[in-house]
Amino acid sequence: QVQLVESGGGLVQAGGSLRLSCAASKNIFSINAMAWYRQPPGKQRELVAQITSGGSTNYADSMKGRFTISRDNAQNTVYLQMNSLKPEDTAVYYCNALVVLSGGAYNYWGQGTQVTVSS
């Protein structure tokens, strides 16, 4: 079991920045990958960015160059730095942890944090 707690959401004007944090309940070295997803109002949840235990990163095309995912292994925390925010970035942002074991793959989710970007 992995518990994830997100923080850092809020209201920001277009062009502004926010940094989201996701604190994990266990050593993130043991987590194969951590990611941020988002769910805009009335839309499906989508991948924002992912970082593996080895440090490899992957971004959705619309976030490349604006968002940066990083990890602090000592704090068991993953961050999402969001710059040049746009109104279409408004969504609930969720932290995800993927744990792959011999018996299968397990996904864990945080409760979500609201990000609202005003025009």
C-alpha atoms as a PDB file:
ATOM      1  CA  GLN A   1       0.000   0.000   0.000  1.00  0.00           C
ATOM      2  CA  VAL A   2       1.152   3.486  -0.849  1.00  0.00           C
ATOM      3  CA  GLN A   3      -0.545   6.599   0.460  1.00  0.00           C
ATOM      4  CA  LEU A   4      -0.070   9.774  -1.559  1.00  0.00           C
ATOM      5  CA  VAL A   5      -0.824  13.283  -0.363  1.00  0.00           C
ATOM      6  CA  GLU A   6      -0.834  16.163  -2.834  1.00  0.00           C
ATOM      7  CA  SER A   7      -0.481  19.821  -1.998  1.00  0.00           C
ATOM      8  CA  GLY A   8       0.248  23.113  -3.705  1.00  0.00           C
ATOM      9  CA  GLY A   9      -2.831  23.677  -5.805  1.00  0.00           C
ATOM     10  CA  GLY A  10      -4.686  26.953  -5.896  1.00  0.00           C
ATOM     11  CA  LEU A  11      -5.814  29.898  -7.971  1.00  0.00           C
ATOM     12  CA  VAL A  12      -3.314  31.628 -10.236  1.00  0.00           C
ATOM     13  CA  GLN A  13      -3.509  34.082 -13.108  1.00  0.00           C
ATOM     14  CA  ALA A  14      -2.612  33.069 -16.640  1.00  0.00           C
ATOM     15  CA  GLY A  15       1.142  33.202 -17.129  1.00  0.00           C
ATOM     16  CA  GLY A  16       1.795  32.426 -13.489  1.00  0.00           C
ATOM     17  CA  SER A  17       3.431  29.443 -11.820  1.00  0.00           C
ATOM     18  CA  LEU A  18       2.587  26.818  -9.241  1.00  0.00           C
ATOM     19  CA  ARG A  19       4.496  23.918  -7.743  1.00  0.00           C
ATOM     20  CA  LEU A  20       2.616  20.797  -6.744  1.00  0.00           C
ATOM     21  CA  SER A  21       4.005  18.322  -4.238  1.00  0.00           C
ATOM     22  CA  CYS A  22       3.176  14.661  -3.725  1.00  0.00           C
ATOM     23  CA  ALA A  23       4.389  13.029  -0.538  1.00  0.00           C
ATOM     24  CA  ALA A  24       4.515   9.227  -0.548  1.00  0.00           C
ATOM     25  CA  SER A  25       4.142   7.027   2.518  1.00  0.00           C
ATOM     26  CA  LYS A  26       7.009   4.775   1.541  1.00  0.00           C
ATOM     27  CA  ASN A  27      10.460   5.010   0.029  1.00  0.00           C
ATOM     28  CA  ILE A  28       9.965   6.073  -3.572  1.00  0.00           C
ATOM     29  CA  PHE A  29      12.943   3.958  -4.602  1.00  0.00           C
ATOM     30  CA  SER A  30      10.564   1.017  -4.287  1.00  0.00           C
ATOM     31  CA  ILE A  31       8.012   2.657  -6.601  1.00  0.00           C
ATOM     32  CA  ASN A  32       8.597   1.916 -10.277  1.00  0.00           C
ATOM     33  CA  ALA A  33       7.203   5.200 -11.522  1.00  0.00           C
ATOM     34  CA  MET A  34       5.396   8.234 -10.208  1.00  0.00           C
ATOM     35  CA  ALA A  35       3.295  10.523 -12.275  1.00  0.00           C
ATOM     36  CA  TRP A  36       0.950  13.461 -12.337  1.00  0.00           C
ATOM     37  CA  TYR A  37      -2.392  13.212 -14.066  1.00  0.00           C
ATOM     38  CA  ARG A  38      -5.074  15.826 -14.404  1.00  0.00           C
ATOM     39  CA  GLN A  39      -8.797  15.863 -15.016  1.00  0.00           C
ATOM     40  CA  PRO A  40     -10.261  19.061 -16.479  1.00  0.00           C
ATOM     41  CA  PRO A  41     -13.942  19.779 -15.832  1.00  0.00           C
ATOM     42  CA  GLY A  42     -16.137  17.448 -17.871  1.00  0.00           C
ATOM     43  CA  LYS A  43     -13.174  15.627 -19.401  1.00  0.00           C
ATOM     44  CA  GLN A  44     -11.276  12.403 -18.854  1.00  0.00           C
ATOM     45  CA  ARG A  45      -8.198  12.076 -16.733  1.00  0.00           C
ATOM     46  CA  GLU A  46      -4.985  12.517 -18.725  1.00  0.00           C
ATOM     47  CA  LEU A  47      -1.280  12.007 -18.138  1.00  0.00           C
ATOM     48  CA  VAL A  48       0.705  15.169 -17.436  1.00  0.00           C
ATOM     49  CA  ALA A  49       4.173  13.826 -16.649  1.00  0.00           C
ATOM     50  CA  GLN A  50       5.887  10.708 -15.356  1.00  0.00           C
ATOM     51  CA  ILE A  51       9.214  10.003 -13.684  1.00  0.00           C
ATOM     52  CA  THR A  52      10.638   6.518 -13.227  1.00  0.00           C
ATOM     53  CA  SER A  53      12.695   5.181 -10.350  1.00  0.00           C
ATOM     54  CA  GLY A  54      15.709   5.629 -12.605  1.00  0.00           C
ATOM     55  CA  GLY A  55      14.906   9.272 -13.175  1.00  0.00           C
ATOM     56  CA  SER A  56      13.637   9.079 -16.749  1.00  0.00           C
ATOM     57  CA  THR A  57      10.871  11.537 -17.498  1.00  0.00           C
ATOM     58  CA  ASN A  58       7.998  11.646 -19.944  1.00  0.00           C
ATOM     59  CA  TYR A  59       5.624  14.536 -20.665  1.00  0.00           C
ATOM     60  CA  ALA A  60       2.394  15.038 -22.509  1.00  0.00           C
ATOM     61  CA  ASP A  61       3.056  17.144 -25.594  1.00  0.00           C
ATOM     62  CA  SER A  62       1.050  20.145 -24.418  1.00  0.00           C
ATOM     63  CA  MET A  63       3.094  20.354 -21.191  1.00  0.00           C
ATOM     64  CA  LYS A  64       6.575  20.037 -22.674  1.00  0.00           C
ATOM     65  CA  GLY A  65       8.672  23.098 -21.983  1.00  0.00           C
ATOM     66  CA  ARG A  66       6.228  24.454 -19.397  1.00  0.00           C
ATOM     67  CA  PHE A  67       6.016  21.719 -16.766  1.00  0.00           C
ATOM     68  CA  THR A  68       8.846  19.915 -15.001  1.00  0.00           C
ATOM     69  CA  ILE A  69       8.529  16.776 -12.904  1.00  0.00           C
ATOM     70  CA  SER A  70      11.203  16.022 -10.322  1.00  0.00           C
ATOM     71  CA  ARG A  71      11.754  13.891  -7.268  1.00  0.00           C
ATOM     72  CA  ASP A  72      13.413  14.205  -3.882  1.00  0.00           C
ATOM     73  CA  ASN A  73      14.249  10.685  -2.789  1.00  0.00           C
ATOM     74  CA  ALA A  74      15.251  11.757   0.704  1.00  0.00           C
ATOM     75  CA  GLN A  75      11.812  13.330   1.246  1.00  0.00           C
ATOM     76  CA  ASN A  76       9.876  10.635  -0.655  1.00  0.00           C
ATOM     77  CA  THR A  77       8.311  13.472  -2.599  1.00  0.00           C
ATOM     78  CA  VAL A  78       7.633  14.179  -6.236  1.00  0.00           C
ATOM     79  CA  TYR A  79       7.084  17.686  -7.549  1.00  0.00           C
ATOM     80  CA  LEU A  80       5.442  19.233 -10.559  1.00  0.00           C
ATOM     81  CA  GLN A  81       6.665  22.713 -11.404  1.00  0.00           C
ATOM     82  CA  MET A  82       4.138  24.401 -13.667  1.00  0.00           C
ATOM     83  CA  ASN A  83       5.107  27.593 -15.476  1.00  0.00           C
ATOM     84  CA  SER A  84       3.363  29.760 -18.061  1.00  0.00           C
ATOM     85  CA  LEU A  85       0.025  28.455 -16.910  1.00  0.00           C
ATOM     86  CA  LYS A  86      -2.984  28.773 -19.190  1.00  0.00           C
ATOM     87  CA  PRO A  87      -6.705  28.720 -18.422  1.00  0.00           C
ATOM     88  CA  GLU A  88      -6.898  25.318 -20.131  1.00  0.00           C
ATOM     89  CA  ASP A  89      -4.563  23.950 -17.446  1.00  0.00           C
ATOM     90  CA  THR A  90      -7.446  24.275 -14.998  1.00  0.00           C
ATOM     91  CA  ALA A  91      -8.087  20.796 -13.586  1.00  0.00           C
ATOM     92  CA  VAL A  92      -7.857  18.560 -10.580  1.00  0.00           C
ATOM     93  CA  TYR A  93      -4.298  17.237 -10.502  1.00  0.00           C
ATOM     94  CA  TYR A  94      -3.696  13.749  -9.168  1.00  0.00           C
ATOM     95  CA  CYS A  95      -0.504  12.054  -8.055  1.00  0.00           C
ATOM     96  CA  ASN A  96      -0.040   8.437  -9.138  1.00  0.00           C
ATOM     97  CA  ALA A  97       2.346   5.713  -8.044  1.00  0.00           C
ATOM     98  CA  LEU A  98       2.930   2.575 -10.084  1.00  0.00           C
ATOM     99  CA  VAL A  99       4.299  -0.457  -8.257  1.00  0.00           C
ATOM    100  CA  VAL A 100       5.183  -3.514 -10.335  1.00  0.00           C
ATOM    101  CA  LEU A 101       5.460  -6.787  -8.435  1.00  0.00           C
ATOM    102  CA  SER A 102       5.695 -10.407  -9.533  1.00  0.00           C
ATOM    103  CA  GLY A 103       1.936 -10.665  -9.024  1.00  0.00           C
ATOM    104  CA  GLY A 104       1.043  -7.691 -11.154  1.00  0.00           C
ATOM    105  CA  ALA A 105       1.048  -3.928 -11.396  1.00  0.00           C
ATOM    106  CA  TYR A 106      -0.666  -1.738  -8.836  1.00  0.00           C
ATOM    107  CA  ASN A 107      -1.708   1.877  -9.206  1.00  0.00           C
ATOM    108  CA  TYR A 108      -2.183   4.172  -6.239  1.00  0.00           C
ATOM    109  CA  TRP A 109      -3.774   7.618  -6.349  1.00  0.00           C
ATOM    110  CA  GLY A 110      -3.795  10.700  -4.210  1.00  0.00           C
ATOM    111  CA  GLN A 111      -6.957  12.622  -3.406  1.00  0.00           C
ATOM    112  CA  GLY A 112      -6.244  15.343  -5.944  1.00  0.00           C
ATOM    113  CA  THR A 113      -5.537  19.049  -5.708  1.00  0.00           C
ATOM    114  CA  GLN A 114      -7.425  21.743  -7.596  1.00  0.00           C
ATOM    115  CA  VAL A 115      -5.565  24.089  -9.921  1.00  0.00           C
ATOM    116  CA  THR A 116      -7.509  27.005 -11.330  1.00  0.00           C
ATOM    117  CA  VAL A 117      -5.971  29.382 -13.862  1.00  0.00           C
ATOM    118  CA  SER A 118      -7.846  32.614 -14.469  1.00  0.00           C
ATOM    119  CA  SER A 119      -7.615  34.555 -17.721  1.00  0.00           C
END
